Amino acid sequence: MSIFAGTEFYQAPQCDRCGLAETDCDCPPPEVKRTFVEPAKQTARIGKEKRKKGKVVTVIRGLSAQDNPFPDLLKRLKNECGAGGCTDEDTIEIQGDHRPRVKATLQKIGYKTKVI
């Protein structure tokens, strides 16, 4: 609802493609094109960080969140390592120091890896 609704200044939102009011528009929703970059063209940088109270976390950087199925990749890495983890923007975090296992798993999938 607009602050101008009901006044002489009100203009209903219009469709960018057909020019009709959005309530009258019959245009199909725009398709979202997702690009997928092959694993062989990406380099995963695997590192280890210390967190609060001395907790160690394996961090994977260098993979684009838009071009990768992060939830599926996270699930596979967590299963391989037998540990918890999460994603944060363009990073994947696995609880504990699992650099060798993460490297082997990512190489099995087809990613280039670099341990930092």
N, C-alpha and C. Protein backbone atom coordinates (compact mmCIF):
# COMPACT_ATOMS: atom_id res chain seq x y z
N MET A 1 0.84 -1.17 0.00
CA MET A 1 0.00 0.00 0.00
C MET A 1 0.89 1.24 0.00
N SER A 2 0.58 2.17 -0.81
CA SER A 2 1.37 3.39 -0.97
C SER A 2 0.80 4.50 -0.09
N ILE A 3 1.66 5.45 0.28
CA ILE A 3 1.18 6.57 1.09
C ILE A 3 0.30 7.49 0.26
N PHE A 4 0.38 7.38 -1.08
CA PHE A 4 -0.44 8.21 -1.95
C PHE A 4 -1.74 7.51 -2.36
N ALA A 5 -1.96 6.27 -1.90
CA ALA A 5 -3.16 5.54 -2.28
C ALA A 5 -4.40 6.32 -1.86
N GLY A 6 -5.33 6.46 -2.80
CA GLY A 6 -6.57 7.18 -2.53
C GLY A 6 -6.48 8.67 -2.80
N THR A 7 -5.31 9.16 -3.21
CA THR A 7 -5.15 10.59 -3.51
C THR A 7 -5.01 10.76 -5.02
N GLU A 8 -4.99 11.99 -5.48
CA GLU A 8 -4.86 12.26 -6.90
C GLU A 8 -3.46 11.95 -7.43
N PHE A 9 -2.48 11.74 -6.55
CA PHE A 9 -1.11 11.48 -6.95
C PHE A 9 -0.79 9.98 -7.09
N TYR A 10 -1.76 9.13 -6.76
CA TYR A 10 -1.53 7.69 -6.77
C TYR A 10 -1.43 7.16 -8.20
N GLN A 11 -0.39 6.35 -8.47
CA GLN A 11 -0.24 5.65 -9.73
C GLN A 11 0.01 4.18 -9.41
N ALA A 12 -0.83 3.33 -9.95
CA ALA A 12 -0.70 1.89 -9.69
C ALA A 12 0.59 1.37 -10.33
N PRO A 13 1.28 0.42 -9.70
CA PRO A 13 2.49 -0.16 -10.30
C PRO A 13 2.17 -0.80 -11.64
N GLN A 14 3.07 -0.61 -12.62
CA GLN A 14 2.84 -1.12 -13.96
C GLN A 14 3.88 -2.18 -14.32
N CYS A 15 3.47 -3.06 -15.20
CA CYS A 15 4.37 -4.11 -15.71
C CYS A 15 5.39 -3.46 -16.64
N ASP A 16 6.65 -3.86 -16.52
CA ASP A 16 7.70 -3.30 -17.37
C ASP A 16 7.60 -3.80 -18.81
N ARG A 17 7.01 -4.98 -19.01
CA ARG A 17 6.95 -5.56 -20.35
C ARG A 17 5.74 -5.12 -21.16
N CYS A 18 4.55 -5.14 -20.54
CA CYS A 18 3.35 -4.83 -21.33
C CYS A 18 2.78 -3.44 -21.02
N GLY A 19 3.15 -2.84 -19.91
CA GLY A 19 2.69 -1.49 -19.59
C GLY A 19 1.35 -1.45 -18.87
N LEU A 20 0.70 -2.59 -18.66
CA LEU A 20 -0.57 -2.63 -17.93
C LEU A 20 -0.31 -2.57 -16.43
N ALA A 21 -1.36 -2.29 -15.68
CA ALA A 21 -1.24 -2.33 -14.22
C ALA A 21 -0.89 -3.76 -13.80
N GLU A 22 -0.11 -3.91 -12.75
CA GLU A 22 0.32 -5.24 -12.33
C GLU A 22 -0.84 -6.16 -12.01
N THR A 23 -1.95 -5.62 -11.55
CA THR A 23 -3.12 -6.45 -11.24
C THR A 23 -3.78 -6.98 -12.51
N ASP A 24 -3.64 -6.27 -13.64
CA ASP A 24 -4.26 -6.67 -14.91
C ASP A 24 -3.30 -7.41 -15.82
N CYS A 25 -2.02 -7.47 -15.49
CA CYS A 25 -0.99 -8.04 -16.35
C CYS A 25 -1.11 -9.56 -16.42
N ASP A 26 -0.96 -10.12 -17.63
CA ASP A 26 -0.99 -11.57 -17.82
C ASP A 26 0.36 -12.11 -18.28
N CYS A 27 1.41 -11.32 -18.18
CA CYS A 27 2.74 -11.75 -18.60
C CYS A 27 3.23 -12.88 -17.69
N PRO A 28 3.93 -13.89 -18.27
CA PRO A 28 4.50 -14.95 -17.42
C PRO A 28 5.62 -14.37 -16.57
N PRO A 29 5.88 -14.97 -15.42
CA PRO A 29 6.97 -14.46 -14.57
C PRO A 29 8.31 -14.59 -15.29
N PRO A 30 9.22 -13.65 -15.07
CA PRO A 30 10.52 -13.73 -15.75
C PRO A 30 11.30 -14.96 -15.29
N GLU A 31 12.01 -15.57 -16.23
CA GLU A 31 12.81 -16.75 -15.92
C GLU A 31 14.13 -16.30 -15.29
N VAL A 32 14.51 -17.00 -14.25
CA VAL A 32 15.78 -16.71 -13.60
C VAL A 32 16.82 -17.63 -14.23
N LYS A 33 17.79 -17.03 -14.88
CA LYS A 33 18.84 -17.82 -15.52
C LYS A 33 20.00 -17.97 -14.55
N ARG A 34 20.30 -19.21 -14.23
CA ARG A 34 21.42 -19.49 -13.34
C ARG A 34 22.56 -20.04 -14.18
N THR A 35 23.70 -19.46 -13.98
CA THR A 35 24.87 -19.96 -14.66
C THR A 35 25.53 -20.99 -13.77
N PHE A 36 26.05 -22.01 -14.38
CA PHE A 36 26.73 -23.05 -13.61
C PHE A 36 28.15 -23.15 -14.12
N VAL A 37 29.07 -22.93 -13.23
CA VAL A 37 30.49 -23.03 -13.57
C VAL A 37 30.94 -24.44 -13.20
N GLU A 38 31.57 -25.10 -14.13
CA GLU A 38 32.02 -26.48 -13.91
C GLU A 38 33.02 -26.53 -12.76
N PRO A 39 32.99 -27.60 -11.97
CA PRO A 39 33.94 -27.72 -10.86
C PRO A 39 35.40 -27.64 -11.31
N ALA A 40 35.71 -28.15 -12.48
CA ALA A 40 37.10 -28.16 -12.95
C ALA A 40 37.64 -26.74 -13.20
N LYS A 41 36.75 -25.77 -13.34
CA LYS A 41 37.17 -24.40 -13.61
C LYS A 41 37.25 -23.55 -12.34
N GLN A 42 37.04 -24.18 -11.18
CA GLN A 42 37.07 -23.45 -9.91
C GLN A 42 38.13 -24.04 -8.99
N THR A 43 38.72 -23.17 -8.18
CA THR A 43 39.71 -23.61 -7.20
C THR A 43 39.17 -23.35 -5.81
N ALA A 44 39.07 -24.40 -5.03
CA ALA A 44 38.62 -24.30 -3.65
C ALA A 44 39.84 -24.10 -2.75
N ARG A 45 39.83 -23.05 -1.97
CA ARG A 45 40.92 -22.78 -1.02
C ARG A 45 40.47 -23.28 0.35
N ILE A 46 41.19 -24.26 0.85
CA ILE A 46 40.83 -24.93 2.10
C ILE A 46 41.77 -24.45 3.19
N GLY A 47 41.21 -23.94 4.26
CA GLY A 47 42.02 -23.43 5.35
C GLY A 47 41.47 -23.84 6.71
N LYS A 48 42.21 -23.49 7.75
CA LYS A 48 41.81 -23.80 9.12
C LYS A 48 41.80 -22.50 9.91
N GLU A 49 40.74 -22.28 10.68
CA GLU A 49 40.64 -21.08 11.52
C GLU A 49 40.28 -21.49 12.94
N LYS A 50 40.76 -20.69 13.88
CA LYS A 50 40.40 -20.89 15.28
C LYS A 50 39.28 -19.92 15.63
N ARG A 51 38.30 -20.41 16.35
CA ARG A 51 37.17 -19.59 16.77
C ARG A 51 37.21 -19.40 18.28
N LYS A 52 36.14 -18.87 18.80
CA LYS A 52 36.05 -18.63 20.24
C LYS A 52 36.29 -19.92 21.02
N LYS A 53 36.91 -19.77 22.16
CA LYS A 53 37.16 -20.88 23.09
C LYS A 53 38.00 -21.99 22.46
N GLY A 54 38.82 -21.66 21.48
CA GLY A 54 39.74 -22.62 20.89
C GLY A 54 39.14 -23.59 19.90
N LYS A 55 37.91 -23.36 19.46
CA LYS A 55 37.28 -24.25 18.49
C LYS A 55 37.95 -24.09 17.13
N VAL A 56 38.17 -25.21 16.44
CA VAL A 56 38.82 -25.19 15.13
C VAL A 56 37.76 -25.46 14.06
N VAL A 57 37.85 -24.72 12.95
CA VAL A 57 36.89 -24.84 11.86
C VAL A 57 37.65 -24.96 10.55
N THR A 58 37.24 -25.87 9.69
CA THR A 58 37.79 -25.96 8.34
C THR A 58 36.95 -25.05 7.45
N VAL A 59 37.62 -24.13 6.74
CA VAL A 59 36.93 -23.14 5.93
C VAL A 59 37.27 -23.36 4.46
N ILE A 60 36.24 -23.39 3.61
CA ILE A 60 36.44 -23.53 2.17
C ILE A 60 36.00 -22.24 1.50
N ARG A 61 36.92 -21.60 0.79
CA ARG A 61 36.64 -20.34 0.09
C ARG A 61 36.99 -20.51 -1.39
N GLY A 62 36.59 -19.52 -2.17
CA GLY A 62 36.95 -19.51 -3.58
C GLY A 62 35.89 -20.08 -4.50
N LEU A 63 34.80 -20.56 -3.94
CA LEU A 63 33.70 -21.07 -4.75
C LEU A 63 32.59 -20.03 -4.73
N SER A 64 31.99 -19.79 -5.87
CA SER A 64 30.93 -18.80 -5.97
C SER A 64 29.60 -19.39 -5.52
N ALA A 65 28.93 -18.73 -4.60
CA ALA A 65 27.66 -19.25 -4.08
C ALA A 65 26.57 -19.24 -5.15
N GLN A 66 26.65 -18.33 -6.10
CA GLN A 66 25.64 -18.25 -7.15
C GLN A 66 25.78 -19.38 -8.16
N ASP A 67 26.99 -19.85 -8.35
CA ASP A 67 27.26 -20.84 -9.40
C ASP A 67 27.34 -22.26 -8.88
N ASN A 68 27.19 -22.48 -7.59
CA ASN A 68 27.33 -23.81 -7.01
C ASN A 68 26.11 -24.16 -6.17
N PRO A 69 25.76 -25.42 -6.13
CA PRO A 69 24.70 -25.85 -5.22
C PRO A 69 25.28 -26.02 -3.81
N PHE A 70 25.46 -24.92 -3.08
CA PHE A 70 26.10 -24.95 -1.76
C PHE A 70 25.42 -25.91 -0.78
N PRO A 71 24.08 -25.94 -0.68
CA PRO A 71 23.47 -26.86 0.30
C PRO A 71 23.83 -28.33 0.02
N ASP A 72 23.86 -28.72 -1.25
CA ASP A 72 24.20 -30.11 -1.58
C ASP A 72 25.67 -30.41 -1.28
N LEU A 73 26.53 -29.45 -1.61
CA LEU A 73 27.96 -29.62 -1.36
C LEU A 73 28.23 -29.68 0.15
N LEU A 74 27.58 -28.81 0.91
CA LEU A 74 27.73 -28.81 2.37
C LEU A 74 27.29 -30.14 2.95
N LYS A 75 26.16 -30.64 2.49
CA LYS A 75 25.64 -31.91 3.01
C LYS A 75 26.63 -33.05 2.75
N ARG A 76 27.19 -33.07 1.54
CA ARG A 76 28.15 -34.13 1.20
C ARG A 76 29.41 -34.03 2.04
N LEU A 77 29.92 -32.80 2.23
CA LEU A 77 31.14 -32.63 3.04
C LEU A 77 30.88 -33.00 4.50
N LYS A 78 29.73 -32.63 5.04
CA LYS A 78 29.40 -32.97 6.42
C LYS A 78 29.31 -34.48 6.60
N ASN A 79 28.73 -35.17 5.62
CA ASN A 79 28.63 -36.64 5.71
C ASN A 79 30.00 -37.29 5.62
N GLU A 80 30.85 -36.79 4.74
CA GLU A 80 32.19 -37.36 4.58
C GLU A 80 33.03 -37.17 5.84
N CYS A 81 32.88 -36.00 6.49
CA CYS A 81 33.70 -35.68 7.66
C CYS A 81 33.07 -36.14 8.97
N GLY A 82 31.79 -36.42 8.95
CA GLY A 82 31.10 -36.80 10.18
C GLY A 82 31.06 -35.66 11.18
N ALA A 83 30.85 -34.45 10.66
CA ALA A 83 30.85 -33.26 11.51
C ALA A 83 29.76 -32.30 11.05
N GLY A 84 29.49 -31.31 11.87
CA GLY A 84 28.53 -30.27 11.52
C GLY A 84 29.18 -29.21 10.66
N GLY A 85 28.36 -28.32 10.15
CA GLY A 85 28.90 -27.25 9.34
C GLY A 85 27.81 -26.30 8.90
N CYS A 86 28.22 -25.24 8.23
CA CYS A 86 27.27 -24.25 7.75
C CYS A 86 27.87 -23.50 6.57
N THR A 87 27.02 -22.72 5.88
CA THR A 87 27.48 -21.85 4.81
C THR A 87 27.30 -20.42 5.27
N ASP A 88 28.21 -19.55 4.83
CA ASP A 88 28.13 -18.14 5.17
C ASP A 88 28.59 -17.36 3.95
N GLU A 89 27.62 -16.82 3.20
CA GLU A 89 27.87 -16.09 1.95
C GLU A 89 28.67 -16.96 0.99
N ASP A 90 29.95 -16.69 0.78
CA ASP A 90 30.76 -17.45 -0.17
C ASP A 90 31.72 -18.41 0.50
N THR A 91 31.44 -18.81 1.73
CA THR A 91 32.32 -19.75 2.42
C THR A 91 31.50 -20.94 2.95
N ILE A 92 32.18 -22.06 3.07
CA ILE A 92 31.61 -23.25 3.69
C ILE A 92 32.47 -23.56 4.90
N GLU A 93 31.84 -23.81 6.04
CA GLU A 93 32.58 -24.10 7.26
C GLU A 93 32.19 -25.48 7.77
N ILE A 94 33.21 -26.27 8.10
CA ILE A 94 33.02 -27.61 8.68
C ILE A 94 33.68 -27.60 10.05
N GLN A 95 32.96 -28.07 11.07
CA GLN A 95 33.50 -28.07 12.42
C GLN A 95 34.64 -29.07 12.54
N GLY A 96 35.77 -28.61 13.06
CA GLY A 96 36.93 -29.46 13.24
C GLY A 96 37.94 -29.27 12.12
N ASP A 97 39.11 -29.89 12.30
CA ASP A 97 40.17 -29.81 11.30
C ASP A 97 40.06 -31.02 10.38
N HIS A 98 39.40 -30.85 9.24
CA HIS A 98 39.17 -31.94 8.29
C HIS A 98 39.75 -31.60 6.91
N ARG A 99 40.86 -30.88 6.89
CA ARG A 99 41.42 -30.45 5.61
C ARG A 99 41.73 -31.61 4.66
N PRO A 100 42.38 -32.69 5.10
CA PRO A 100 42.67 -33.78 4.16
C PRO A 100 41.41 -34.43 3.58
N ARG A 101 40.39 -34.65 4.42
CA ARG A 101 39.15 -35.27 3.95
C ARG A 101 38.41 -34.34 3.00
N VAL A 102 38.36 -33.05 3.34
CA VAL A 102 37.67 -32.08 2.49
C VAL A 102 38.37 -32.00 1.14
N LYS A 103 39.69 -31.97 1.16
CA LYS A 103 40.46 -31.91 -0.08
C LYS A 103 40.18 -33.13 -0.95
N ALA A 104 40.21 -34.32 -0.35
CA ALA A 104 39.97 -35.55 -1.11
C ALA A 104 38.55 -35.56 -1.69
N THR A 105 37.57 -35.14 -0.91
CA THR A 105 36.18 -35.13 -1.37
C THR A 105 35.99 -34.15 -2.51
N LEU A 106 36.53 -32.95 -2.38
CA LEU A 106 36.38 -31.95 -3.43
C LEU A 106 37.10 -32.38 -4.71
N GLN A 107 38.25 -33.03 -4.58
CA GLN A 107 38.96 -33.52 -5.76
C GLN A 107 38.17 -34.64 -6.43
N LYS A 108 37.51 -35.47 -5.62
CA LYS A 108 36.69 -36.55 -6.16
C LYS A 108 35.53 -35.98 -7.00
N ILE A 109 34.98 -34.83 -6.54
CA ILE A 109 33.89 -34.18 -7.26
C ILE A 109 34.41 -33.54 -8.55
N GLY A 110 35.66 -33.07 -8.52
CA GLY A 110 36.25 -32.47 -9.70
C GLY A 110 36.79 -31.07 -9.52
N TYR A 111 36.75 -30.56 -8.30
CA TYR A 111 37.28 -29.22 -8.03
C TYR A 111 38.79 -29.24 -7.94
N LYS A 112 39.42 -28.14 -8.32
CA LYS A 112 40.83 -27.96 -8.04
C LYS A 112 40.91 -27.51 -6.59
N THR A 113 41.91 -27.96 -5.85
CA THR A 113 42.00 -27.58 -4.45
C THR A 113 43.37 -27.01 -4.14
N LYS A 114 43.37 -26.17 -3.11
CA LYS A 114 44.62 -25.58 -2.63
C LYS A 114 44.48 -25.44 -1.12
N VAL A 115 45.35 -26.13 -0.37
CA VAL A 115 45.31 -26.06 1.09
C VAL A 115 46.15 -24.86 1.52
N ILE A 116 45.54 -24.01 2.31
CA ILE A 116 46.23 -22.80 2.77
C ILE A 116 46.69 -23.00 4.20
